[in-house]
Amino acid sequence: MLDVRRLVLLRDLARLGTIAAVAQAHAYTPSAVSQQLAALQREAGTRLLERTGRRVSLTSTATALVQHTEVILAALEAADATVAAARTGLRASVRIGAFPSAVRTLLPAALATLARDHPALDLMISELDPVDMPAALRSRQLDVALLHDYDIAPTLPDPTVNSIALLEETVFLAVPGSTADNAAAEPISAARDAQWILGSPGTLCHSVALHACQLAGFTPAVRHHADDFTAMLALVAAGQGVALIPQLAIAQPSPQVRLLPLAMRRRTRVAYRRGAGGHPAVLACVSALRGATTAFRDWSRLSPSDS
């Protein structure tokens, strides 16, 4: 019988590419990972890894095993969900990951609902960039995650994660209030000569802003980096540049900022490990987040640019 924990290491090697990266992800030494993979190879009775110089690659058999591993892990999640559903009362620790604007808007109402309806749930929130959340779900650092992408830059489906759509929101170009109108131009194109405020390199917001400008035919002149939309809006109000701001991040629009609606949309999903959708704690979180999203939609029927 193949050891599931060793199969997970093989799966992560296929995803991360090096034994050193797998070791870092699991807080092991590279030697320990190598020993576990060698033991898995002995269990399988066939070669799983091939060495090319200083790197290792998976054989075709190992690649097939990785695909089986995803099915096995999903089945184990489903089995755990079945057992949890049979217990009396909902008691569990639930680790929820979310991006900052969701932490400020959607999560407080959802947490209040969960505390009222399921007081035995032990909830813990972690603020993460969406690019980091699938790995955190896979490694069980998170149980539920609020992810987002943009229609102009959709993320590829992750075979280890299932998700449910929650919200689609308008994205605005925030410009200083003194900016002159250019009704003939699309807002991003009209800002080609402006200074830009972007998220930190490596974040989703940074890559989407770059992509939006590239689609408009230019590379933005980046003046500031900020990962908090409130900070971005404050910089825009101070005349320091322009920035892309999703509707969820706009609470009290400043009179020193004009918000120009764009055709692009940001899309938020609630995600969990494949197979875990039937777990009572996951179902409770999804229900609470749906309720919070409905409340947000009702509150924000007027666009920020009209308020």
C-alpha atoms as a PDB file:
ATOM      1  CA  MET A   1       0.000   0.000   0.000  1.00  0.00           C
ATOM      2  CA  LEU A   2       1.405   3.377  -1.005  1.00  0.00           C
ATOM      3  CA  ASP A   3       1.844   5.919   1.791  1.00  0.00           C
ATOM      4  CA  VAL A   4      -0.457   8.920   1.251  1.00  0.00           C
ATOM      5  CA  ARG A   5       1.927  11.344   2.968  1.00  0.00           C
ATOM      6  CA  ARG A   6       4.686  10.337   0.566  1.00  0.00           C
ATOM      7  CA  LEU A   7       2.310  10.684  -2.360  1.00  0.00           C
ATOM      8  CA  VAL A   8       1.653  14.264  -1.227  1.00  0.00           C
ATOM      9  CA  LEU A   9       5.396  14.967  -1.390  1.00  0.00           C
ATOM     10  CA  LEU A  10       5.477  13.580  -4.922  1.00  0.00           C
ATOM     11  CA  ARG A  11       2.476  15.727  -5.862  1.00  0.00           C
ATOM     12  CA  ASP A  12       4.194  18.809  -4.477  1.00  0.00           C
ATOM     13  CA  LEU A  13       7.414  17.978  -6.321  1.00  0.00           C
ATOM     14  CA  ALA A  14       5.413  17.921  -9.558  1.00  0.00           C
ATOM     15  CA  ARG A  15       3.962  21.333  -8.687  1.00  0.00           C
ATOM     16  CA  LEU A  16       6.998  23.075  -7.188  1.00  0.00           C
ATOM     17  CA  GLY A  17       9.726  21.576  -9.346  1.00  0.00           C
ATOM     18  CA  THR A  18      12.539  21.030  -6.831  1.00  0.00           C
ATOM     19  CA  ILE A  19      13.132  18.966  -3.706  1.00  0.00           C
ATOM     20  CA  ALA A  20      14.352  22.108  -1.940  1.00  0.00           C
ATOM     21  CA  ALA A  21      11.022  23.858  -2.613  1.00  0.00           C
ATOM     22  CA  VAL A  22       9.071  20.841  -1.350  1.00  0.00           C
ATOM     23  CA  ALA A  23      11.219  20.759   1.784  1.00  0.00           C
ATOM     24  CA  GLN A  24      10.549  24.441   2.419  1.00  0.00           C
ATOM     25  CA  ALA A  25       6.792  24.016   1.906  1.00  0.00           C
ATOM     26  CA  HIS A  26       6.653  21.192   4.469  1.00  0.00           C
ATOM     27  CA  ALA A  27       9.306  22.499   6.894  1.00  0.00           C
ATOM     28  CA  TYR A  28      11.442  19.406   6.213  1.00  0.00           C
ATOM     29  CA  THR A  29      15.084  19.146   5.241  1.00  0.00           C
ATOM     30  CA  PRO A  30      15.810  18.320   1.581  1.00  0.00           C
ATOM     31  CA  SER A  31      17.442  15.104   2.789  1.00  0.00           C
ATOM     32  CA  ALA A  32      14.250  14.057   4.580  1.00  0.00           C
ATOM     33  CA  VAL A  33      12.167  14.706   1.448  1.00  0.00           C
ATOM     34  CA  SER A  34      14.599  12.704  -0.672  1.00  0.00           C
ATOM     35  CA  GLN A  35      14.450   9.799   1.789  1.00  0.00           C
ATOM     36  CA  GLN A  36      10.639   9.796   1.764  1.00  0.00           C
ATOM     37  CA  LEU A  37      10.522   9.869  -2.034  1.00  0.00           C
ATOM     38  CA  ALA A  38      13.056   7.029  -2.182  1.00  0.00           C
ATOM     39  CA  ALA A  39      10.843   5.040   0.195  1.00  0.00           C
ATOM     40  CA  LEU A  40       7.825   5.739  -2.033  1.00  0.00           C
ATOM     41  CA  GLN A  41       9.782   4.502  -5.028  1.00  0.00           C
ATOM     42  CA  ARG A  42      10.589   1.267  -3.164  1.00  0.00           C
ATOM     43  CA  GLU A  43       6.878   0.872  -2.281  1.00  0.00           C
ATOM     44  CA  ALA A  44       5.923   1.368  -5.918  1.00  0.00           C
ATOM     45  CA  GLY A  45       8.565  -1.082  -7.131  1.00  0.00           C
ATOM     46  CA  THR A  46       9.329   1.078 -10.176  1.00  0.00           C
ATOM     47  CA  ARG A  47      11.314   4.201 -10.977  1.00  0.00           C
ATOM     48  CA  LEU A  48       9.460   7.406 -10.165  1.00  0.00           C
ATOM     49  CA  LEU A  49      12.211  10.023 -10.458  1.00  0.00           C
ATOM     50  CA  GLU A  50      14.892  10.697 -13.018  1.00  0.00           C
ATOM     51  CA  ARG A  51      17.920  12.867 -12.392  1.00  0.00           C
ATOM     52  CA  THR A  52      18.939  15.434 -14.989  1.00  0.00           C
ATOM     53  CA  GLY A  53      22.104  17.113 -13.795  1.00  0.00           C
ATOM     54  CA  ARG A  54      21.315  18.487 -10.333  1.00  0.00           C
ATOM     55  CA  ARG A  55      17.538  18.385 -10.833  1.00  0.00           C
ATOM     56  CA  VAL A  56      15.032  15.561 -10.666  1.00  0.00           C
ATOM     57  CA  SER A  57      12.011  15.048 -12.895  1.00  0.00           C
ATOM     58  CA  LEU A  58       9.020  12.729 -12.699  1.00  0.00           C
ATOM     59  CA  THR A  59       8.697   9.634 -14.843  1.00  0.00           C
ATOM     60  CA  SER A  60       5.443   8.969 -16.687  1.00  0.00           C
ATOM     61  CA  THR A  61       4.467   6.548 -13.889  1.00  0.00           C
ATOM     62  CA  ALA A  62       5.058   9.241 -11.272  1.00  0.00           C
ATOM     63  CA  THR A  63       2.971  11.722 -13.253  1.00  0.00           C
ATOM     64  CA  ALA A  64       0.120   9.205 -13.326  1.00  0.00           C
ATOM     65  CA  LEU A  65       0.523   8.688  -9.564  1.00  0.00           C
ATOM     66  CA  VAL A  66       0.178  12.436  -9.008  1.00  0.00           C
ATOM     67  CA  GLN A  67      -3.173  12.384 -10.817  1.00  0.00           C
ATOM     68  CA  HIS A  68      -4.308   9.473  -8.633  1.00  0.00           C
ATOM     69  CA  THR A  69      -3.103  11.355  -5.561  1.00  0.00           C
ATOM     70  CA  GLU A  70      -5.470  14.256  -6.272  1.00  0.00           C
ATOM     71  CA  VAL A  71      -8.380  11.797  -6.469  1.00  0.00           C
ATOM     72  CA  ILE A  72      -7.284  10.086  -3.243  1.00  0.00           C
ATOM     73  CA  LEU A  73      -6.968  13.358  -1.334  1.00  0.00           C
ATOM     74  CA  ALA A  74     -10.385  14.510  -2.527  1.00  0.00           C
ATOM     75  CA  ALA A  75     -11.884  11.183  -1.417  1.00  0.00           C
ATOM     76  CA  LEU A  76     -10.289  11.560   2.025  1.00  0.00           C
ATOM     77  CA  GLU A  77     -11.725  15.079   2.311  1.00  0.00           C
ATOM     78  CA  ALA A  78     -15.163  13.736   1.381  1.00  0.00           C
ATOM     79  CA  ALA A  79     -14.820  10.928   3.942  1.00  0.00           C
ATOM     80  CA  ASP A  80     -13.923  13.454   6.635  1.00  0.00           C
ATOM     81  CA  ALA A  81     -16.950  15.528   5.628  1.00  0.00           C
ATOM     82  CA  THR A  82     -19.210  12.469   5.951  1.00  0.00           C
ATOM     83  CA  VAL A  83     -17.923  11.724   9.461  1.00  0.00           C
ATOM     84  CA  ALA A  84     -18.249  15.360  10.520  1.00  0.00           C
ATOM     85  CA  ALA A  85     -21.841  15.481   9.250  1.00  0.00           C
ATOM     86  CA  ALA A  86     -22.711  12.457  11.409  1.00  0.00           C
ATOM     87  CA  ARG A  87     -21.553  14.112  14.632  1.00  0.00           C
ATOM     88  CA  THR A  88     -23.972  15.901  16.923  1.00  0.00           C
ATOM     89  CA  GLY A  89     -23.358  19.614  16.941  1.00  0.00           C
ATOM     90  CA  LEU A  90     -20.953  21.565  14.800  1.00  0.00           C
ATOM     91  CA  ARG A  91     -17.546  21.719  16.472  1.00  0.00           C
ATOM     92  CA  ALA A  92     -14.475  22.439  14.391  1.00  0.00           C
ATOM     93  CA  SER A  93     -11.569  24.786  13.932  1.00  0.00           C
ATOM     94  CA  VAL A  94     -11.935  26.679  10.667  1.00  0.00           C
ATOM     95  CA  ARG A  95      -9.076  28.706   9.205  1.00  0.00           C
ATOM     96  CA  ILE A  96     -10.340  31.301   6.730  1.00  0.00           C
ATOM     97  CA  GLY A  97      -8.095  33.187   4.326  1.00  0.00           C
ATOM     98  CA  ALA A  98      -9.212  36.416   2.711  1.00  0.00           C
ATOM     99  CA  PHE A  99      -7.831  39.399   0.820  1.00  0.00           C
ATOM    100  CA  PRO A 100      -7.821  42.740   2.697  1.00  0.00           C
ATOM    101  CA  SER A 101     -10.913  44.397   1.201  1.00  0.00           C
ATOM    102  CA  ALA A 102     -12.978  41.278   1.948  1.00  0.00           C
ATOM    103  CA  VAL A 103     -11.670  41.206   5.530  1.00  0.00           C
ATOM    104  CA  ARG A 104     -13.025  44.733   6.011  1.00  0.00           C
ATOM    105  CA  THR A 105     -16.388  44.264   4.275  1.00  0.00           C
ATOM    106  CA  LEU A 106     -17.675  40.710   3.829  1.00  0.00           C
ATOM    107  CA  LEU A 107     -16.052  38.867   6.710  1.00  0.00           C
ATOM    108  CA  PRO A 108     -17.332  40.848   9.730  1.00  0.00           C
ATOM    109  CA  ALA A 109     -20.971  40.134   8.873  1.00  0.00           C
ATOM    110  CA  ALA A 110     -20.190  36.508   8.026  1.00  0.00           C
ATOM    111  CA  LEU A 111     -18.321  35.997  11.299  1.00  0.00           C
ATOM    112  CA  ALA A 112     -21.207  37.516  13.271  1.00  0.00           C
ATOM    113  CA  THR A 113     -23.622  35.087  11.592  1.00  0.00           C
ATOM    114  CA  LEU A 114     -21.356  32.098  12.298  1.00  0.00           C
ATOM    115  CA  ALA A 115     -20.894  33.121  15.943  1.00  0.00           C
ATOM    116  CA  ARG A 116     -24.664  33.387  16.363  1.00  0.00           C
ATOM    117  CA  ASP A 117     -25.641  30.191  14.549  1.00  0.00           C
ATOM    118  CA  HIS A 118     -22.619  27.981  15.329  1.00  0.00           C
ATOM    119  CA  PRO A 119     -21.015  29.211  18.561  1.00  0.00           C
ATOM    120  CA  ALA A 120     -18.844  26.077  18.881  1.00  0.00           C
ATOM    121  CA  LEU A 121     -16.929  26.865  15.703  1.00  0.00           C
ATOM    122  CA  ASP A 122     -13.402  28.096  16.371  1.00  0.00           C
ATOM    123  CA  LEU A 123     -12.718  30.624  13.613  1.00  0.00           C
ATOM    124  CA  MET A 124      -9.345  32.094  12.669  1.00  0.00           C
ATOM    125  CA  ILE A 125      -8.796  34.685   9.918  1.00  0.00           C
ATOM    126  CA  SER A 126      -5.600  35.134   7.917  1.00  0.00           C
ATOM    127  CA  GLU A 127      -5.118  38.003   5.483  1.00  0.00           C
ATOM    128  CA  LEU A 128      -3.393  36.773   2.314  1.00  0.00           C
ATOM    129  CA  ASP A 129      -2.933  37.745  -1.294  1.00  0.00           C
ATOM    130  CA  PRO A 130      -5.094  35.544  -3.551  1.00  0.00           C
ATOM    131  CA  VAL A 131      -2.013  34.158  -5.334  1.00  0.00           C
ATOM    132  CA  ASP A 132      -0.946  32.487  -2.062  1.00  0.00           C
ATOM    133  CA  MET A 133      -4.265  30.917  -1.085  1.00  0.00           C
ATOM    134  CA  PRO A 134      -4.429  27.744  -3.219  1.00  0.00           C
ATOM    135  CA  ALA A 135      -1.102  26.592  -1.758  1.00  0.00           C
ATOM    136  CA  ALA A 136      -2.350  27.422   1.744  1.00  0.00           C
ATOM    137  CA  LEU A 137      -5.472  25.321   1.122  1.00  0.00           C
ATOM    138  CA  ARG A 138      -3.413  22.406  -0.203  1.00  0.00           C
ATOM    139  CA  SER A 139      -1.092  22.481   2.804  1.00  0.00           C
ATOM    140  CA  ARG A 140      -4.086  22.703   5.189  1.00  0.00           C
ATOM    141  CA  GLN A 141      -3.017  26.076   6.541  1.00  0.00           C
ATOM    142  CA  LEU A 142      -6.489  27.207   5.413  1.00  0.00           C
ATOM    143  CA  ASP A 143      -9.837  25.420   5.234  1.00  0.00           C
ATOM    144  CA  VAL A 144     -11.800  28.122   3.396  1.00  0.00           C
ATOM    145  CA  ALA A 145     -10.481  30.970   1.263  1.00  0.00           C
ATOM    146  CA  LEU A 146     -11.893  34.030  -0.426  1.00  0.00           C
ATOM    147  CA  LEU A 147     -10.152  34.297  -3.782  1.00  0.00           C
ATOM    148  CA  HIS A 148     -10.559  36.756  -6.598  1.00  0.00           C
ATOM    149  CA  ASP A 149      -9.486  37.248 -10.170  1.00  0.00           C
ATOM    150  CA  TYR A 150     -10.329  39.709 -12.944  1.00  0.00           C
ATOM    151  CA  ASP A 151     -12.205  39.070 -16.163  1.00  0.00           C
ATOM    152  CA  ILE A 152      -9.297  40.530 -18.156  1.00  0.00           C
ATOM    153  CA  ALA A 153      -6.845  38.130 -16.452  1.00  0.00           C
ATOM    154  CA  PRO A 154      -8.682  34.961 -15.346  1.00  0.00           C
ATOM    155  CA  THR A 155      -6.785  32.479 -13.205  1.00  0.00           C
ATOM    156  CA  LEU A 156      -6.446  28.904 -14.395  1.00  0.00           C
ATOM    157  CA  PRO A 157      -8.585  26.312 -12.583  1.00  0.00           C
ATOM    158  CA  ASP A 158      -6.711  24.523  -9.780  1.00  0.00           C
ATOM    159  CA  PRO A 159      -7.475  20.759  -9.728  1.00  0.00           C
ATOM    160  CA  THR A 160      -6.977  20.644  -5.947  1.00  0.00           C
ATOM    161  CA  VAL A 161      -9.590  23.316  -5.202  1.00  0.00           C
ATOM    162  CA  ASN A 162     -13.332  23.693  -5.637  1.00  0.00           C
ATOM    163  CA  SER A 163     -14.979  27.096  -5.502  1.00  0.00           C
ATOM    164  CA  ILE A 164     -18.338  28.867  -5.629  1.00  0.00           C
ATOM    165  CA  ALA A 165     -18.879  32.293  -7.192  1.00  0.00           C
ATOM    166  CA  LEU A 166     -19.806  34.985  -4.653  1.00  0.00           C
ATOM    167  CA  LEU A 167     -19.493  38.446  -6.153  1.00  0.00           C
ATOM    168  CA  GLU A 168     -18.731  40.300  -9.360  1.00  0.00           C
ATOM    169  CA  GLU A 169     -17.913  43.959  -8.840  1.00  0.00           C
ATOM    170  CA  THR A 170     -17.069  47.043 -10.856  1.00  0.00           C
ATOM    171  CA  VAL A 171     -13.464  48.211 -10.998  1.00  0.00           C
ATOM    172  CA  PHE A 172     -12.830  51.966 -11.040  1.00  0.00           C
ATOM    173  CA  LEU A 173      -9.938  54.102 -12.125  1.00  0.00           C
ATOM    174  CA  ALA A 174      -9.341  56.481  -9.222  1.00  0.00           C
ATOM    175  CA  VAL A 175      -7.972  59.834 -10.378  1.00  0.00           C
ATOM    176  CA  PRO A 176      -7.338  63.108  -8.504  1.00  0.00           C
ATOM    177  CA  GLY A 177     -10.428  65.269  -8.312  1.00  0.00           C
ATOM    178  CA  SER A 178      -8.743  68.006 -10.328  1.00  0.00           C
ATOM    179  CA  THR A 179      -8.187  65.725 -13.339  1.00  0.00           C
ATOM    180  CA  ALA A 180      -9.745  67.172 -16.480  1.00  0.00           C
ATOM    181  CA  ASP A 181     -12.439  65.211 -18.280  1.00  0.00           C
ATOM    182  CA  ASN A 182     -11.620  63.445 -21.524  1.00  0.00           C
ATOM    183  CA  ALA A 183     -15.006  62.102 -22.518  1.00  0.00           C
ATOM    184  CA  ALA A 184     -13.728  60.821 -25.852  1.00  0.00           C
ATOM    185  CA  ALA A 185     -11.173  58.453 -24.312  1.00  0.00           C
ATOM    186  CA  GLU A 186     -11.504  55.256 -22.324  1.00  0.00           C
ATOM    187  CA  PRO A 187     -10.323  56.096 -18.762  1.00  0.00           C
ATOM    188  CA  ILE A 188      -7.232  53.864 -18.718  1.00  0.00           C
ATOM    189  CA  SER A 189      -6.127  55.051 -22.164  1.00  0.00           C
ATOM    190  CA  ALA A 190      -6.646  58.637 -21.048  1.00  0.00           C
ATOM    191  CA  ALA A 191      -4.297  58.003 -18.105  1.00  0.00           C
ATOM    192  CA  ARG A 192      -1.367  56.767 -20.204  1.00  0.00           C
ATOM    193  CA  ASP A 193       0.702  59.832 -19.265  1.00  0.00           C
ATOM    194  CA  ALA A 194      -0.241  59.772 -15.580  1.00  0.00           C
ATOM    195  CA  GLN A 195       1.842  58.506 -12.670  1.00  0.00           C
ATOM    196  CA  TRP A 196       0.458  55.181 -11.411  1.00  0.00           C
ATOM    197  CA  ILE A 197       0.039  53.621  -7.972  1.00  0.00           C
ATOM    198  CA  LEU A 198       0.277  49.817  -8.106  1.00  0.00           C
ATOM    199  CA  GLY A 199       0.376  46.932  -5.669  1.00  0.00           C
ATOM    200  CA  SER A 200       3.694  45.336  -4.788  1.00  0.00           C
ATOM    201  CA  PRO A 201       5.338  43.262  -7.535  1.00  0.00           C
ATOM    202  CA  GLY A 202       4.211  39.648  -7.292  1.00  0.00           C
ATOM    203  CA  THR A 203       0.689  40.477  -6.101  1.00  0.00           C
ATOM    204  CA  LEU A 204      -2.382  39.896  -8.240  1.00  0.00           C
ATOM    205  CA  CYS A 205      -3.352  43.583  -8.106  1.00  0.00           C
ATOM    206  CA  HIS A 206       0.064  44.562  -9.476  1.00  0.00           C
ATOM    207  CA  SER A 207      -0.075  42.125 -12.391  1.00  0.00           C
ATOM    208  CA  VAL A 208      -3.674  43.035 -13.280  1.00  0.00           C
ATOM    209  CA  ALA A 209      -2.940  46.769 -13.336  1.00  0.00           C
ATOM    210  CA  LEU A 210       0.048  46.181 -15.614  1.00  0.00           C
ATOM    211  CA  HIS A 211      -2.064  43.957 -17.853  1.00  0.00           C
ATOM    212  CA  ALA A 212      -4.882  46.520 -18.056  1.00  0.00           C
ATOM    213  CA  CYS A 213      -2.421  49.197 -19.154  1.00  0.00           C
ATOM    214  CA  GLN A 214      -0.784  46.870 -21.672  1.00  0.00           C
ATOM    215  CA  LEU A 215      -4.203  46.102 -23.162  1.00  0.00           C
ATOM    216  CA  ALA A 216      -4.620  49.859 -23.580  1.00  0.00           C
ATOM    217  CA  GLY A 217      -1.314  49.977 -25.464  1.00  0.00           C
ATOM    218  CA  PHE A 218       1.162  51.376 -22.926  1.00  0.00           C
ATOM    219  CA  THR A 219       3.355  50.515 -19.940  1.00  0.00           C
ATOM    220  CA  PRO A 220       2.464  52.618 -16.883  1.00  0.00           C
ATOM    221  CA  ALA A 221       4.926  54.943 -15.187  1.00  0.00           C
ATOM    222  CA  VAL A 222       4.818  53.567 -11.629  1.00  0.00           C
ATOM    223  CA  ARG A 223       5.408  56.169  -8.924  1.00  0.00           C
ATOM    224  CA  HIS A 224       4.271  54.340  -5.775  1.00  0.00           C
ATOM    225  CA  HIS A 225       3.572  50.793  -4.581  1.00  0.00           C
ATOM    226  CA  ALA A 226       0.863  50.160  -1.983  1.00  0.00           C
ATOM    227  CA  ASP A 227      -1.038  47.004  -1.084  1.00  0.00           C
ATOM    228  CA  ASP A 228      -3.871  48.662   0.815  1.00  0.00           C
ATOM    229  CA  PHE A 229      -6.592  50.244  -1.301  1.00  0.00           C
ATOM    230  CA  THR A 230      -7.315  52.837   1.403  1.00  0.00           C
ATOM    231  CA  ALA A 231      -3.683  53.922   1.170  1.00  0.00           C
ATOM    232  CA  MET A 232      -3.950  54.010  -2.624  1.00  0.00           C
ATOM    233  CA  LEU A 233      -7.013  56.255  -2.429  1.00  0.00           C
ATOM    234  CA  ALA A 234      -5.229  58.570   0.013  1.00  0.00           C
ATOM    235  CA  LEU A 235      -2.299  58.847  -2.394  1.00  0.00           C
ATOM    236  CA  VAL A 236      -4.667  59.578  -5.277  1.00  0.00           C
ATOM    237  CA  ALA A 237      -6.406  62.253  -3.179  1.00  0.00           C
ATOM    238  CA  ALA A 238      -2.984  63.814  -2.560  1.00  0.00           C
ATOM    239  CA  GLY A 239      -2.424  64.067  -6.317  1.00  0.00           C
ATOM    240  CA  GLN A 240       0.247  61.381  -6.351  1.00  0.00           C
ATOM    241  CA  GLY A 241      -1.132  59.353  -9.243  1.00  0.00           C
ATOM    242  CA  VAL A 242      -3.983  57.135 -10.421  1.00  0.00           C
ATOM    243  CA  ALA A 243      -4.932  53.604  -9.346  1.00  0.00           C
ATOM    244  CA  LEU A 244      -7.320  50.744 -10.072  1.00  0.00           C
ATOM    245  CA  ILE A 245      -9.771  50.299  -7.188  1.00  0.00           C
ATOM    246  CA  PRO A 246     -12.494  47.610  -6.976  1.00  0.00           C
ATOM    247  CA  GLN A 247     -15.884  48.557  -5.586  1.00  0.00           C
ATOM    248  CA  LEU A 248     -15.505  46.379  -2.492  1.00  0.00           C
ATOM    249  CA  ALA A 249     -12.569  48.540  -1.405  1.00  0.00           C
ATOM    250  CA  ILE A 250     -14.468  51.847  -1.559  1.00  0.00           C
ATOM    251  CA  ALA A 251     -16.249  52.746   1.664  1.00  0.00           C
ATOM    252  CA  GLN A 252     -16.392  56.549   1.873  1.00  0.00           C
ATOM    253  CA  PRO A 253     -15.358  58.142  -1.442  1.00  0.00           C
ATOM    254  CA  SER A 254     -13.200  61.228  -0.938  1.00  0.00           C
ATOM    255  CA  PRO A 255     -14.229  64.507  -2.636  1.00  0.00           C
ATOM    256  CA  GLN A 256     -10.587  64.766  -3.735  1.00  0.00           C
ATOM    257  CA  VAL A 257     -10.934  61.558  -5.776  1.00  0.00           C
ATOM    258  CA  ARG A 258     -12.964  60.881  -8.903  1.00  0.00           C
ATOM    259  CA  LEU A 259     -13.957  57.255  -9.536  1.00  0.00           C
ATOM    260  CA  LEU A 260     -14.303  56.405 -13.213  1.00  0.00           C
ATOM    261  CA  PRO A 261     -16.093  53.088 -13.842  1.00  0.00           C
ATOM    262  CA  LEU A 262     -14.343  50.624 -16.143  1.00  0.00           C
ATOM    263  CA  ALA A 263     -15.635  47.732 -18.217  1.00  0.00           C
ATOM    264  CA  MET A 264     -13.450  45.269 -16.280  1.00  0.00           C
ATOM    265  CA  ARG A 265     -14.789  43.295 -13.334  1.00  0.00           C
ATOM    266  CA  ARG A 266     -13.259  41.681 -10.265  1.00  0.00           C
ATOM    267  CA  ARG A 267     -14.741  38.275  -9.403  1.00  0.00           C
ATOM    268  CA  THR A 268     -14.708  36.825  -5.897  1.00  0.00           C
ATOM    269  CA  ARG A 269     -15.117  33.120  -5.073  1.00  0.00           C
ATOM    270  CA  VAL A 270     -15.192  31.119  -1.864  1.00  0.00           C
ATOM    271  CA  ALA A 271     -12.851  28.136  -2.204  1.00  0.00           C
ATOM    272  CA  TYR A 272     -12.020  24.972  -0.279  1.00  0.00           C
ATOM    273  CA  ARG A 273     -10.132  21.753  -0.856  1.00  0.00           C
ATOM    274  CA  ARG A 274     -11.582  19.437  -3.445  1.00  0.00           C
ATOM    275  CA  GLY A 275     -13.932  16.992  -1.721  1.00  0.00           C
ATOM    276  CA  ALA A 276     -14.524  19.201   1.328  1.00  0.00           C
ATOM    277  CA  GLY A 277     -17.671  20.890   0.038  1.00  0.00           C
ATOM    278  CA  GLY A 278     -19.936  18.633   2.107  1.00  0.00           C
ATOM    279  CA  HIS A 279     -18.199  19.327   5.422  1.00  0.00           C
ATOM    280  CA  PRO A 280     -20.690  21.040   7.770  1.00  0.00           C
ATOM    281  CA  ALA A 281     -18.172  23.720   8.770  1.00  0.00           C
ATOM    282  CA  VAL A 282     -17.438  24.544   5.124  1.00  0.00           C
ATOM    283  CA  LEU A 283     -21.158  24.615   4.314  1.00  0.00           C
ATOM    284  CA  ALA A 284     -21.758  26.975   7.252  1.00  0.00           C
ATOM    285  CA  CYS A 285     -18.984  29.316   6.078  1.00  0.00           C
ATOM    286  CA  VAL A 286     -20.259  29.334   2.505  1.00  0.00           C
ATOM    287  CA  SER A 287     -23.798  30.115   3.685  1.00  0.00           C
ATOM    288  CA  ALA A 288     -22.614  32.953   5.951  1.00  0.00           C
ATOM    289  CA  LEU A 289     -20.439  34.452   3.206  1.00  0.00           C
ATOM    290  CA  ARG A 290     -23.311  34.300   0.731  1.00  0.00           C
ATOM    291  CA  GLY A 291     -25.487  36.182   3.199  1.00  0.00           C
ATOM    292  CA  ALA A 292     -22.802  38.810   3.744  1.00  0.00           C
ATOM    293  CA  THR A 293     -22.374  39.192  -0.012  1.00  0.00           C
ATOM    294  CA  THR A 294     -26.102  39.719  -0.505  1.00  0.00           C
ATOM    295  CA  ALA A 295     -26.049  42.397   2.202  1.00  0.00           C
ATOM    296  CA  PHE A 296     -23.123  44.123   0.487  1.00  0.00           C
ATOM    297  CA  ARG A 297     -24.937  44.100  -2.861  1.00  0.00           C
ATOM    298  CA  ASP A 298     -28.014  45.665  -1.252  1.00  0.00           C
ATOM    299  CA  TRP A 299     -25.867  48.342   0.422  1.00  0.00           C
ATOM    300  CA  SER A 300     -23.926  49.220  -2.712  1.00  0.00           C
ATOM    301  CA  ARG A 301     -26.639  49.430  -5.368  1.00  0.00           C
ATOM    302  CA  LEU A 302     -25.583  53.040  -5.930  1.00  0.00           C
ATOM    303  CA  SER A 303     -22.121  53.078  -7.485  1.00  0.00           C
ATOM    304  CA  PRO A 304     -19.500  54.982  -5.451  1.00  0.00           C
ATOM    305  CA  SER A 305     -19.115  57.468  -8.282  1.00  0.00           C
ATOM    306  CA  ASP A 306     -22.759  58.504  -7.826  1.00  0.00           C
ATOM    307  CA  SER A 307     -22.827  58.719  -4.035  1.00  0.00           C
END
